[in-house]
């Protein structure tokens, strides 16, 4: 049973919303240290319901918010199975209607039957749900990953989730297109670190979608809940199942240039595909041939829901 969203602790802080062209101009220069080819610009959002995105709404504009629910302390060192959240109720709590949610989190283990990754892709309008969320789980027989799409009747997530919530409308967005990685940062970290340098005294958050168009990426899928406590990064990595997944991968999530004292996960993207692979994005493993295409919007506020009372700093890569 999902927790009562109306009773969950909520903290909200406004974010700095730079002009999109300002972000584009800055990224055009800063990302050159990490990619051989970089083109950032302001464009009309493409129809994200179409190939190669397959999202539940056509756009990511309209009162965008960055939302961080729960956190890794609800999973590690041992799981709190009570932490289940219904995204329909979260949207009501935040007065978001219509609501288009994209992001990364833990899937609904009560529904799936095992712990799993959630690639959140959910639209709610006029009381109707368009659920395009995928989950990824580890086959307990052969360790292969399994991707499934949730039905419209299932709108819960568990433990932790990072979302961009908007009205799902078309509008102006930030387009980031890069090829051939020459630096040590993954695609999202390169953007996040650029925003840290460019907006040192201001807090900026972005959310949206990117497609790994060419190449492969290291991604993990959580196994079912560990029977023993996980207290170190080594134990964590032994529990997670890692894969080298192939393009095209459609990744959804958020990034923040600062924690703002809310115990945030400052970057978190999960990807799904049309060929059955899905998981938590780490970095590409084919720097010579990799190509990324992303569309993002800055959030106007950060909403922190059900922040853990006791925290730690591992399990956030």
C-alpha atoms as a PDB file:
ATOM      1  CA  UNK A   1       0.000   0.000   0.000  1.00  0.00           C
ATOM      2  CA  UNK A   2       1.321   3.430  -0.965  1.00  0.00           C
ATOM      3  CA  UNK A   3       2.035   6.031   1.679  1.00  0.00           C
ATOM      4  CA  UNK A   4      -0.413   8.918   2.051  1.00  0.00           C
ATOM      5  CA  UNK A   5       1.198  11.616  -0.105  1.00  0.00           C
ATOM      6  CA  UNK A   6      -0.703  14.380   1.704  1.00  0.00           C
ATOM      7  CA  UNK A   7       1.152  13.521   4.910  1.00  0.00           C
ATOM      8  CA  UNK A   8       4.666  13.163   3.513  1.00  0.00           C
ATOM      9  CA  UNK A   9       7.176  15.850   4.536  1.00  0.00           C
ATOM     10  CA  UNK A  10       7.707  18.352   1.736  1.00  0.00           C
ATOM     11  CA  UNK A  11      10.301  21.082   1.299  1.00  0.00           C
ATOM     12  CA  UNK A  12      10.314  23.322  -1.765  1.00  0.00           C
ATOM     13  CA  UNK A  13      12.875  25.894  -2.849  1.00  0.00           C
ATOM     14  CA  UNK A  14      12.878  28.148  -5.918  1.00  0.00           C
ATOM     15  CA  UNK A  15      15.567  27.533  -8.525  1.00  0.00           C
ATOM     16  CA  UNK A  16      17.418  29.975 -10.733  1.00  0.00           C
ATOM     17  CA  UNK A  17      16.054  29.690 -14.270  1.00  0.00           C
ATOM     18  CA  UNK A  18      18.674  31.014 -16.706  1.00  0.00           C
ATOM     19  CA  UNK A  19      17.662  31.979 -20.242  1.00  0.00           C
ATOM     20  CA  UNK A  20      17.988  28.897 -22.428  1.00  0.00           C
ATOM     21  CA  UNK A  21      20.286  30.664 -24.885  1.00  0.00           C
ATOM     22  CA  UNK A  22      22.621  31.537 -22.007  1.00  0.00           C
ATOM     23  CA  UNK A  23      22.893  27.877 -20.991  1.00  0.00           C
ATOM     24  CA  UNK A  24      23.368  26.845 -24.630  1.00  0.00           C
ATOM     25  CA  UNK A  25      26.142  29.380 -25.204  1.00  0.00           C
ATOM     26  CA  UNK A  26      27.966  28.275 -22.084  1.00  0.00           C
ATOM     27  CA  UNK A  27      27.654  24.543 -22.789  1.00  0.00           C
ATOM     28  CA  UNK A  28      28.867  25.047 -26.344  1.00  0.00           C
ATOM     29  CA  UNK A  29      32.211  26.081 -24.867  1.00  0.00           C
ATOM     30  CA  UNK A  30      32.429  24.040 -21.678  1.00  0.00           C
ATOM     31  CA  UNK A  31      31.503  20.656 -23.169  1.00  0.00           C
ATOM     32  CA  UNK A  32      34.357  20.851 -25.691  1.00  0.00           C
ATOM     33  CA  UNK A  33      36.714  19.536 -23.008  1.00  0.00           C
ATOM     34  CA  UNK A  34      34.697  16.312 -22.878  1.00  0.00           C
ATOM     35  CA  UNK A  35      33.432  15.797 -26.439  1.00  0.00           C
ATOM     36  CA  UNK A  36      35.068  16.298 -29.832  1.00  0.00           C
ATOM     37  CA  UNK A  37      31.825  17.542 -31.380  1.00  0.00           C
ATOM     38  CA  UNK A  38      29.393  19.766 -29.488  1.00  0.00           C
ATOM     39  CA  UNK A  39      26.298  21.655 -30.617  1.00  0.00           C
ATOM     40  CA  UNK A  40      23.940  23.212 -28.064  1.00  0.00           C
ATOM     41  CA  UNK A  41      21.023  25.395 -29.121  1.00  0.00           C
ATOM     42  CA  UNK A  42      17.501  26.506 -28.250  1.00  0.00           C
ATOM     43  CA  UNK A  43      14.842  24.760 -30.343  1.00  0.00           C
ATOM     44  CA  UNK A  44      11.160  23.954 -30.392  1.00  0.00           C
ATOM     45  CA  UNK A  45      10.683  20.679 -28.561  1.00  0.00           C
ATOM     46  CA  UNK A  46      10.237  17.822 -31.032  1.00  0.00           C
ATOM     47  CA  UNK A  47       7.229  15.549 -30.632  1.00  0.00           C
ATOM     48  CA  UNK A  48       8.580  13.266 -27.928  1.00  0.00           C
ATOM     49  CA  UNK A  49       5.824  10.695 -28.450  1.00  0.00           C
ATOM     50  CA  UNK A  50       7.477   9.730 -31.730  1.00  0.00           C
ATOM     51  CA  UNK A  51      10.601   7.783 -32.653  1.00  0.00           C
ATOM     52  CA  UNK A  52      13.255   7.787 -31.206  1.00  0.00           C
ATOM     53  CA  UNK A  53      11.778   8.943 -27.851  1.00  0.00           C
ATOM     54  CA  UNK A  54       8.484   7.071 -27.304  1.00  0.00           C
ATOM     55  CA  UNK A  55       7.393   9.273 -24.390  1.00  0.00           C
ATOM     56  CA  UNK A  56       3.908   9.620 -22.945  1.00  0.00           C
ATOM     57  CA  UNK A  57       3.523  13.356 -23.784  1.00  0.00           C
ATOM     58  CA  UNK A  58       4.731  15.427 -26.726  1.00  0.00           C
ATOM     59  CA  UNK A  59       6.725  17.978 -24.708  1.00  0.00           C
ATOM     60  CA  UNK A  60       8.457  18.677 -21.394  1.00  0.00           C
ATOM     61  CA  UNK A  61       7.372  22.297 -20.957  1.00  0.00           C
ATOM     62  CA  UNK A  62       4.788  23.952 -18.728  1.00  0.00           C
ATOM     63  CA  UNK A  63       5.612  24.754 -15.084  1.00  0.00           C
ATOM     64  CA  UNK A  64       8.555  22.319 -14.834  1.00  0.00           C
ATOM     65  CA  UNK A  65       9.612  21.156 -11.381  1.00  0.00           C
ATOM     66  CA  UNK A  66      12.509  18.991 -10.209  1.00  0.00           C
ATOM     67  CA  UNK A  67      11.217  16.454  -7.672  1.00  0.00           C
ATOM     68  CA  UNK A  68      13.333  14.224  -5.412  1.00  0.00           C
ATOM     69  CA  UNK A  69      11.399  11.599  -3.423  1.00  0.00           C
ATOM     70  CA  UNK A  70      12.850   9.315  -0.739  1.00  0.00           C
ATOM     71  CA  UNK A  71      16.481   8.373  -1.234  1.00  0.00           C
ATOM     72  CA  UNK A  72      19.208   5.713  -1.130  1.00  0.00           C
ATOM     73  CA  UNK A  73      19.006   5.442   2.701  1.00  0.00           C
ATOM     74  CA  UNK A  74      15.627   3.748   2.216  1.00  0.00           C
ATOM     75  CA  UNK A  75      17.397   1.027   0.194  1.00  0.00           C
ATOM     76  CA  UNK A  76      20.827   0.816   1.869  1.00  0.00           C
ATOM     77  CA  UNK A  77      22.133  -0.605   4.132  1.00  0.00           C
ATOM     78  CA  UNK A  78      18.777  -2.402   4.342  1.00  0.00           C
ATOM     79  CA  UNK A  79      15.488  -1.874   2.593  1.00  0.00           C
ATOM     80  CA  UNK A  80      12.456  -0.118   4.053  1.00  0.00           C
ATOM     81  CA  UNK A  81       9.641  -1.880   2.201  1.00  0.00           C
ATOM     82  CA  UNK A  82       7.059   0.610   3.479  1.00  0.00           C
ATOM     83  CA  UNK A  83       8.425   3.331   1.211  1.00  0.00           C
ATOM     84  CA  UNK A  84       5.994   3.059  -1.686  1.00  0.00           C
ATOM     85  CA  UNK A  85       4.670   6.206  -3.389  1.00  0.00           C
ATOM     86  CA  UNK A  86       1.741   6.650  -5.776  1.00  0.00           C
ATOM     87  CA  UNK A  87       2.692   9.174  -8.457  1.00  0.00           C
ATOM     88  CA  UNK A  88      -0.945  10.136  -9.028  1.00  0.00           C
ATOM     89  CA  UNK A  89      -1.092  11.286  -5.404  1.00  0.00           C
ATOM     90  CA  UNK A  90       2.313  12.988  -5.656  1.00  0.00           C
ATOM     91  CA  UNK A  91       1.000  15.029  -8.608  1.00  0.00           C
ATOM     92  CA  UNK A  92      -2.026  16.085  -6.551  1.00  0.00           C
ATOM     93  CA  UNK A  93       0.190  17.020  -3.598  1.00  0.00           C
ATOM     94  CA  UNK A  94       2.224  19.295  -5.875  1.00  0.00           C
ATOM     95  CA  UNK A  95      -0.902  20.731  -7.551  1.00  0.00           C
ATOM     96  CA  UNK A  96       0.286  19.468 -10.929  1.00  0.00           C
ATOM     97  CA  UNK A  97      -2.547  18.879 -13.393  1.00  0.00           C
ATOM     98  CA  UNK A  98      -1.981  17.873 -16.107  1.00  0.00           C
ATOM     99  CA  UNK A  99       1.209  16.100 -15.020  1.00  0.00           C
ATOM    100  CA  UNK A 100       3.875  14.564 -17.210  1.00  0.00           C
ATOM    101  CA  UNK A 101       6.537  12.758 -15.193  1.00  0.00           C
ATOM    102  CA  UNK A 102       9.852  11.512 -16.519  1.00  0.00           C
ATOM    103  CA  UNK A 103      12.733  10.253 -14.454  1.00  0.00           C
ATOM    104  CA  UNK A 104      14.656   7.545 -12.671  1.00  0.00           C
ATOM    105  CA  UNK A 105      13.820   5.561  -9.562  1.00  0.00           C
ATOM    106  CA  UNK A 106      13.097   2.200  -8.040  1.00  0.00           C
ATOM    107  CA  UNK A 107      10.174   0.392  -9.609  1.00  0.00           C
ATOM    108  CA  UNK A 108       7.086  -0.852  -7.753  1.00  0.00           C
ATOM    109  CA  UNK A 109       8.350  -4.037  -6.104  1.00  0.00           C
ATOM    110  CA  UNK A 110       4.917  -4.880  -4.592  1.00  0.00           C
ATOM    111  CA  UNK A 111       3.487  -5.053  -8.133  1.00  0.00           C
ATOM    112  CA  UNK A 112       6.482  -6.578  -9.934  1.00  0.00           C
ATOM    113  CA  UNK A 113       7.236  -9.067  -7.171  1.00  0.00           C
ATOM    114  CA  UNK A 114      10.934  -8.234  -6.957  1.00  0.00           C
ATOM    115  CA  UNK A 115      13.124  -5.173  -6.604  1.00  0.00           C
ATOM    116  CA  UNK A 116      13.597  -3.417  -9.942  1.00  0.00           C
ATOM    117  CA  UNK A 117      14.625  -0.256 -11.765  1.00  0.00           C
ATOM    118  CA  UNK A 118      11.952   2.230 -12.823  1.00  0.00           C
ATOM    119  CA  UNK A 119      12.192   4.344 -15.976  1.00  0.00           C
ATOM    120  CA  UNK A 120       9.360   6.773 -15.237  1.00  0.00           C
ATOM    121  CA  UNK A 121       7.339   7.921 -18.265  1.00  0.00           C
ATOM    122  CA  UNK A 122       3.826   8.803 -17.106  1.00  0.00           C
ATOM    123  CA  UNK A 123       1.199  11.327 -18.184  1.00  0.00           C
ATOM    124  CA  UNK A 124      -1.946  12.191 -16.207  1.00  0.00           C
ATOM    125  CA  UNK A 125      -4.607  14.481 -17.670  1.00  0.00           C
ATOM    126  CA  UNK A 126      -8.306  14.865 -16.843  1.00  0.00           C
ATOM    127  CA  UNK A 127      -8.006  11.949 -14.463  1.00  0.00           C
ATOM    128  CA  UNK A 128      -6.761   9.615 -17.199  1.00  0.00           C
ATOM    129  CA  UNK A 129      -3.410   7.812 -16.990  1.00  0.00           C
ATOM    130  CA  UNK A 130      -1.095   7.170 -19.933  1.00  0.00           C
ATOM    131  CA  UNK A 131       1.473   4.866 -18.372  1.00  0.00           C
ATOM    132  CA  UNK A 132       4.544   4.248 -20.522  1.00  0.00           C
ATOM    133  CA  UNK A 133       6.887   3.537 -17.612  1.00  0.00           C
ATOM    134  CA  UNK A 134       9.256   0.619 -18.056  1.00  0.00           C
ATOM    135  CA  UNK A 135      10.785  -1.473 -15.330  1.00  0.00           C
ATOM    136  CA  UNK A 136      13.977  -3.512 -15.588  1.00  0.00           C
ATOM    137  CA  UNK A 137      14.656  -6.527 -13.387  1.00  0.00           C
ATOM    138  CA  UNK A 138      17.257  -9.271 -13.195  1.00  0.00           C
ATOM    139  CA  UNK A 139      16.147 -12.736 -14.234  1.00  0.00           C
ATOM    140  CA  UNK A 140      16.867 -14.844 -11.168  1.00  0.00           C
ATOM    141  CA  UNK A 141      17.600 -17.896 -13.338  1.00  0.00           C
ATOM    142  CA  UNK A 142      20.192 -16.572 -15.797  1.00  0.00           C
ATOM    143  CA  UNK A 143      21.029 -12.988 -14.657  1.00  0.00           C
ATOM    144  CA  UNK A 144      19.764 -11.461 -17.909  1.00  0.00           C
ATOM    145  CA  UNK A 145      17.866  -8.191 -17.699  1.00  0.00           C
ATOM    146  CA  UNK A 146      14.143  -8.121 -18.417  1.00  0.00           C
ATOM    147  CA  UNK A 147      12.267  -4.984 -19.505  1.00  0.00           C
ATOM    148  CA  UNK A 148       8.517  -4.656 -19.012  1.00  0.00           C
ATOM    149  CA  UNK A 149       5.976  -1.848 -19.477  1.00  0.00           C
ATOM    150  CA  UNK A 150       3.640  -1.071 -16.584  1.00  0.00           C
ATOM    151  CA  UNK A 151      -0.137  -0.975 -17.167  1.00  0.00           C
ATOM    152  CA  UNK A 152      -2.193   2.202 -16.752  1.00  0.00           C
ATOM    153  CA  UNK A 153      -3.533   0.794 -13.486  1.00  0.00           C
ATOM    154  CA  UNK A 154      -0.077   0.754 -11.837  1.00  0.00           C
ATOM    155  CA  UNK A 155       1.305   4.177 -10.891  1.00  0.00           C
ATOM    156  CA  UNK A 156       3.504   3.472  -7.877  1.00  0.00           C
ATOM    157  CA  UNK A 157       7.252   3.663  -7.346  1.00  0.00           C
ATOM    158  CA  UNK A 158       9.344   2.700  -4.339  1.00  0.00           C
ATOM    159  CA  UNK A 159      12.190   3.892  -2.122  1.00  0.00           C
ATOM    160  CA  UNK A 160      13.654   6.682  -4.264  1.00  0.00           C
ATOM    161  CA  UNK A 161      12.815   8.572  -7.437  1.00  0.00           C
ATOM    162  CA  UNK A 162      14.057  11.677  -9.256  1.00  0.00           C
ATOM    163  CA  UNK A 163      11.560  13.350 -11.558  1.00  0.00           C
ATOM    164  CA  UNK A 164      10.942  16.202 -13.906  1.00  0.00           C
ATOM    165  CA  UNK A 165       7.245  17.039 -13.617  1.00  0.00           C
ATOM    166  CA  UNK A 166       5.780  19.377 -16.232  1.00  0.00           C
ATOM    167  CA  UNK A 167       2.494  19.886 -18.060  1.00  0.00           C
ATOM    168  CA  UNK A 168       3.863  17.900 -21.002  1.00  0.00           C
ATOM    169  CA  UNK A 169       3.471  20.798 -23.409  1.00  0.00           C
ATOM    170  CA  UNK A 170       5.511  21.757 -26.473  1.00  0.00           C
ATOM    171  CA  UNK A 171       7.776  24.781 -26.113  1.00  0.00           C
ATOM    172  CA  UNK A 172      11.341  25.989 -26.268  1.00  0.00           C
ATOM    173  CA  UNK A 173      13.918  23.537 -24.935  1.00  0.00           C
ATOM    174  CA  UNK A 174      17.665  23.166 -24.649  1.00  0.00           C
ATOM    175  CA  UNK A 175      19.067  20.792 -27.282  1.00  0.00           C
ATOM    176  CA  UNK A 176      22.451  19.211 -26.537  1.00  0.00           C
ATOM    177  CA  UNK A 177      24.100  17.137 -29.264  1.00  0.00           C
ATOM    178  CA  UNK A 178      27.563  15.638 -28.738  1.00  0.00           C
ATOM    179  CA  UNK A 179      29.783  13.057 -30.422  1.00  0.00           C
ATOM    180  CA  UNK A 180      33.039  11.267 -29.584  1.00  0.00           C
ATOM    181  CA  UNK A 181      33.863  11.505 -25.887  1.00  0.00           C
ATOM    182  CA  UNK A 182      37.425  12.723 -25.253  1.00  0.00           C
ATOM    183  CA  UNK A 183      37.104  13.474 -21.523  1.00  0.00           C
ATOM    184  CA  UNK A 184      36.486  11.416 -18.426  1.00  0.00           C
ATOM    185  CA  UNK A 185      32.931  12.498 -17.578  1.00  0.00           C
ATOM    186  CA  UNK A 186      29.717  10.834 -18.640  1.00  0.00           C
ATOM    187  CA  UNK A 187      27.237  12.893 -20.661  1.00  0.00           C
ATOM    188  CA  UNK A 188      25.150  14.033 -17.685  1.00  0.00           C
ATOM    189  CA  UNK A 189      28.114  14.674 -15.372  1.00  0.00           C
ATOM    190  CA  UNK A 190      29.716  16.855 -18.046  1.00  0.00           C
ATOM    191  CA  UNK A 191      26.581  19.030 -18.182  1.00  0.00           C
ATOM    192  CA  UNK A 192      26.178  19.098 -14.404  1.00  0.00           C
ATOM    193  CA  UNK A 193      29.796  20.072 -13.758  1.00  0.00           C
ATOM    194  CA  UNK A 194      29.537  22.780 -16.407  1.00  0.00           C
ATOM    195  CA  UNK A 195      26.543  24.248 -14.589  1.00  0.00           C
ATOM    196  CA  UNK A 196      28.441  24.072 -11.300  1.00  0.00           C
ATOM    197  CA  UNK A 197      31.191  26.239 -12.795  1.00  0.00           C
ATOM    198  CA  UNK A 198      28.918  28.541 -14.759  1.00  0.00           C
ATOM    199  CA  UNK A 199      26.446  29.218 -11.935  1.00  0.00           C
ATOM    200  CA  UNK A 200      28.597  29.041  -8.820  1.00  0.00           C
ATOM    201  CA  UNK A 201      26.318  31.188  -6.690  1.00  0.00           C
ATOM    202  CA  UNK A 202      22.997  30.047  -8.124  1.00  0.00           C
ATOM    203  CA  UNK A 203      21.134  26.750  -8.015  1.00  0.00           C
ATOM    204  CA  UNK A 204      20.089  25.315 -11.371  1.00  0.00           C
ATOM    205  CA  UNK A 205      18.308  22.042 -12.089  1.00  0.00           C
ATOM    206  CA  UNK A 206      17.623  20.423 -15.449  1.00  0.00           C
ATOM    207  CA  UNK A 207      15.384  17.548 -16.404  1.00  0.00           C
ATOM    208  CA  UNK A 208      14.486  15.796 -19.599  1.00  0.00           C
ATOM    209  CA  UNK A 209      15.454  13.087 -22.032  1.00  0.00           C
ATOM    210  CA  UNK A 210      18.535  12.065 -23.939  1.00  0.00           C
ATOM    211  CA  UNK A 211      19.096   9.349 -26.499  1.00  0.00           C
ATOM    212  CA  UNK A 212      22.311   7.395 -26.758  1.00  0.00           C
ATOM    213  CA  UNK A 213      22.146   7.274 -30.559  1.00  0.00           C
ATOM    214  CA  UNK A 214      25.353   5.360 -31.209  1.00  0.00           C
ATOM    215  CA  UNK A 215      27.587   3.196 -29.047  1.00  0.00           C
ATOM    216  CA  UNK A 216      27.109   1.266 -25.823  1.00  0.00           C
ATOM    217  CA  UNK A 217      26.705   2.217 -22.172  1.00  0.00           C
ATOM    218  CA  UNK A 218      27.514   0.661 -18.824  1.00  0.00           C
ATOM    219  CA  UNK A 219      24.223   0.284 -16.969  1.00  0.00           C
ATOM    220  CA  UNK A 220      23.169  -1.594 -13.883  1.00  0.00           C
ATOM    221  CA  UNK A 221      19.980  -3.289 -12.802  1.00  0.00           C
ATOM    222  CA  UNK A 222      19.307  -3.908  -9.120  1.00  0.00           C
ATOM    223  CA  UNK A 223      18.877  -7.521  -8.154  1.00  0.00           C
ATOM    224  CA  UNK A 224      16.123  -8.498  -5.734  1.00  0.00           C
ATOM    225  CA  UNK A 225      16.616  -7.117  -2.235  1.00  0.00           C
ATOM    226  CA  UNK A 226      19.749  -8.334  -0.505  1.00  0.00           C
ATOM    227  CA  UNK A 227      19.267 -10.737   2.395  1.00  0.00           C
ATOM    228  CA  UNK A 228      22.266  -9.171   4.164  1.00  0.00           C
ATOM    229  CA  UNK A 229      23.106  -5.552   4.935  1.00  0.00           C
ATOM    230  CA  UNK A 230      24.968  -3.576   2.264  1.00  0.00           C
ATOM    231  CA  UNK A 231      27.319  -1.139   3.972  1.00  0.00           C
ATOM    232  CA  UNK A 232      30.141  -0.467   1.473  1.00  0.00           C
ATOM    233  CA  UNK A 233      30.513   0.445  -2.203  1.00  0.00           C
ATOM    234  CA  UNK A 234      32.207  -2.925  -2.780  1.00  0.00           C
ATOM    235  CA  UNK A 235      29.257  -4.829  -1.324  1.00  0.00           C
ATOM    236  CA  UNK A 236      26.905  -2.636  -3.355  1.00  0.00           C
ATOM    237  CA  UNK A 237      28.713  -3.326  -6.637  1.00  0.00           C
ATOM    238  CA  UNK A 238      28.731  -7.056  -5.908  1.00  0.00           C
ATOM    239  CA  UNK A 239      24.945  -6.942  -5.424  1.00  0.00           C
ATOM    240  CA  UNK A 240      24.160  -4.863  -8.519  1.00  0.00           C
ATOM    241  CA  UNK A 241      24.208  -6.564 -11.915  1.00  0.00           C
ATOM    242  CA  UNK A 242      26.125  -4.586 -14.557  1.00  0.00           C
ATOM    243  CA  UNK A 243      25.549  -4.764 -18.304  1.00  0.00           C
ATOM    244  CA  UNK A 244      26.998  -3.247 -21.464  1.00  0.00           C
ATOM    245  CA  UNK A 245      23.800  -2.110 -23.222  1.00  0.00           C
ATOM    246  CA  UNK A 246      23.482  -1.050 -26.850  1.00  0.00           C
ATOM    247  CA  UNK A 247      22.109   2.051 -28.553  1.00  0.00           C
ATOM    248  CA  UNK A 248      19.580   3.371 -29.084  1.00  0.00           C
ATOM    249  CA  UNK A 249      18.832   3.946 -25.398  1.00  0.00           C
ATOM    250  CA  UNK A 250      16.271   6.540 -24.247  1.00  0.00           C
ATOM    251  CA  UNK A 251      17.302   7.983 -20.867  1.00  0.00           C
ATOM    252  CA  UNK A 252      15.095  10.019 -18.518  1.00  0.00           C
ATOM    253  CA  UNK A 253      16.041  11.918 -15.380  1.00  0.00           C
ATOM    254  CA  UNK A 254      17.276  15.068 -13.662  1.00  0.00           C
ATOM    255  CA  UNK A 255      20.451  16.814 -12.613  1.00  0.00           C
ATOM    256  CA  UNK A 256      21.225  19.571 -10.110  1.00  0.00           C
ATOM    257  CA  UNK A 257      24.312  21.755  -9.815  1.00  0.00           C
ATOM    258  CA  UNK A 258      23.978  21.920  -6.025  1.00  0.00           C
ATOM    259  CA  UNK A 259      22.541  19.898  -3.164  1.00  0.00           C
ATOM    260  CA  UNK A 260      20.955  23.008  -1.539  1.00  0.00           C
ATOM    261  CA  UNK A 261      21.021  21.244   1.834  1.00  0.00           C
ATOM    262  CA  UNK A 262      18.180  18.880   0.887  1.00  0.00           C
ATOM    263  CA  UNK A 263      20.207  15.645   0.654  1.00  0.00           C
ATOM    264  CA  UNK A 264      19.535  15.430  -3.074  1.00  0.00           C
ATOM    265  CA  UNK A 265      20.697  12.938  -5.646  1.00  0.00           C
ATOM    266  CA  UNK A 266      22.367  15.455  -7.938  1.00  0.00           C
ATOM    267  CA  UNK A 267      22.155  13.327 -11.082  1.00  0.00           C
ATOM    268  CA  UNK A 268      20.044  10.272 -11.875  1.00  0.00           C
ATOM    269  CA  UNK A 269      19.067   8.906 -15.293  1.00  0.00           C
ATOM    270  CA  UNK A 270      17.574   5.559 -16.272  1.00  0.00           C
ATOM    271  CA  UNK A 271      17.148   4.367 -19.840  1.00  0.00           C
ATOM    272  CA  UNK A 272      14.815   2.045 -21.740  1.00  0.00           C
ATOM    273  CA  UNK A 273      14.862   0.788 -25.309  1.00  0.00           C
ATOM    274  CA  UNK A 274      12.783  -0.742 -28.062  1.00  0.00           C
ATOM    275  CA  UNK A 275      15.072  -3.800 -28.093  1.00  0.00           C
ATOM    276  CA  UNK A 276      14.527  -4.958 -24.510  1.00  0.00           C
ATOM    277  CA  UNK A 277      17.465  -3.417 -22.643  1.00  0.00           C
ATOM    278  CA  UNK A 278      16.897  -0.984 -19.763  1.00  0.00           C
ATOM    279  CA  UNK A 279      18.710   0.128 -16.628  1.00  0.00           C
ATOM    280  CA  UNK A 280      20.546   2.799 -14.631  1.00  0.00           C
ATOM    281  CA  UNK A 281      22.874   4.854 -16.842  1.00  0.00           C
ATOM    282  CA  UNK A 282      26.506   5.187 -15.716  1.00  0.00           C
ATOM    283  CA  UNK A 283      28.604   6.133 -18.769  1.00  0.00           C
ATOM    284  CA  UNK A 284      29.261   5.138 -22.352  1.00  0.00           C
ATOM    285  CA  UNK A 285      31.845   2.407 -23.030  1.00  0.00           C
ATOM    286  CA  UNK A 286      32.492   3.367 -26.669  1.00  0.00           C
ATOM    287  CA  UNK A 287      33.970   6.878 -26.511  1.00  0.00           C
ATOM    288  CA  UNK A 288      35.219   6.868 -30.115  1.00  0.00           C
ATOM    289  CA  UNK A 289      31.804   6.261 -31.632  1.00  0.00           C
ATOM    290  CA  UNK A 290      29.362   7.529 -29.020  1.00  0.00           C
ATOM    291  CA  UNK A 291      26.673  10.051 -29.938  1.00  0.00           C
ATOM    292  CA  UNK A 292      24.227  11.738 -27.558  1.00  0.00           C
ATOM    293  CA  UNK A 293      21.155  13.829 -28.331  1.00  0.00           C
ATOM    294  CA  UNK A 294      19.349  15.442 -25.391  1.00  0.00           C
ATOM    295  CA  UNK A 295      16.447  17.819 -24.769  1.00  0.00           C
ATOM    296  CA  UNK A 296      16.192  19.525 -21.381  1.00  0.00           C
ATOM    297  CA  UNK A 297      14.352  22.275 -19.518  1.00  0.00           C
ATOM    298  CA  UNK A 298      15.351  24.049 -16.285  1.00  0.00           C
ATOM    299  CA  UNK A 299      13.054  23.486 -13.330  1.00  0.00           C
ATOM    300  CA  UNK A 300      11.544  26.516 -11.604  1.00  0.00           C
ATOM    301  CA  UNK A 301      11.705  24.840  -8.180  1.00  0.00           C
ATOM    302  CA  UNK A 302      13.068  21.813  -6.373  1.00  0.00           C
ATOM    303  CA  UNK A 303      10.538  19.807  -4.374  1.00  0.00           C
ATOM    304  CA  UNK A 304      11.998  17.443  -1.759  1.00  0.00           C
ATOM    305  CA  UNK A 305       9.509  14.836  -0.566  1.00  0.00           C
ATOM    306  CA  UNK A 306      10.036  12.368   2.301  1.00  0.00           C
ATOM    307  CA  UNK A 307      13.698  13.192   2.863  1.00  0.00           C
ATOM    308  CA  UNK A 308      15.333  10.418   4.958  1.00  0.00           C
ATOM    309  CA  UNK A 309      15.972  11.418   8.560  1.00  0.00           C
ATOM    310  CA  UNK A 310      19.237   9.465   8.646  1.00  0.00           C
ATOM    311  CA  UNK A 311      21.440   9.610   5.573  1.00  0.00           C
ATOM    312  CA  UNK A 312      24.730   8.481   4.039  1.00  0.00           C
ATOM    313  CA  UNK A 313      26.728   9.234   0.907  1.00  0.00           C
ATOM    314  CA  UNK A 314      27.127   5.919  -0.886  1.00  0.00           C
ATOM    315  CA  UNK A 315      24.986   4.308  -3.562  1.00  0.00           C
ATOM    316  CA  UNK A 316      24.502   7.544  -5.498  1.00  0.00           C
ATOM    317  CA  UNK A 317      26.607   7.010  -8.615  1.00  0.00           C
END
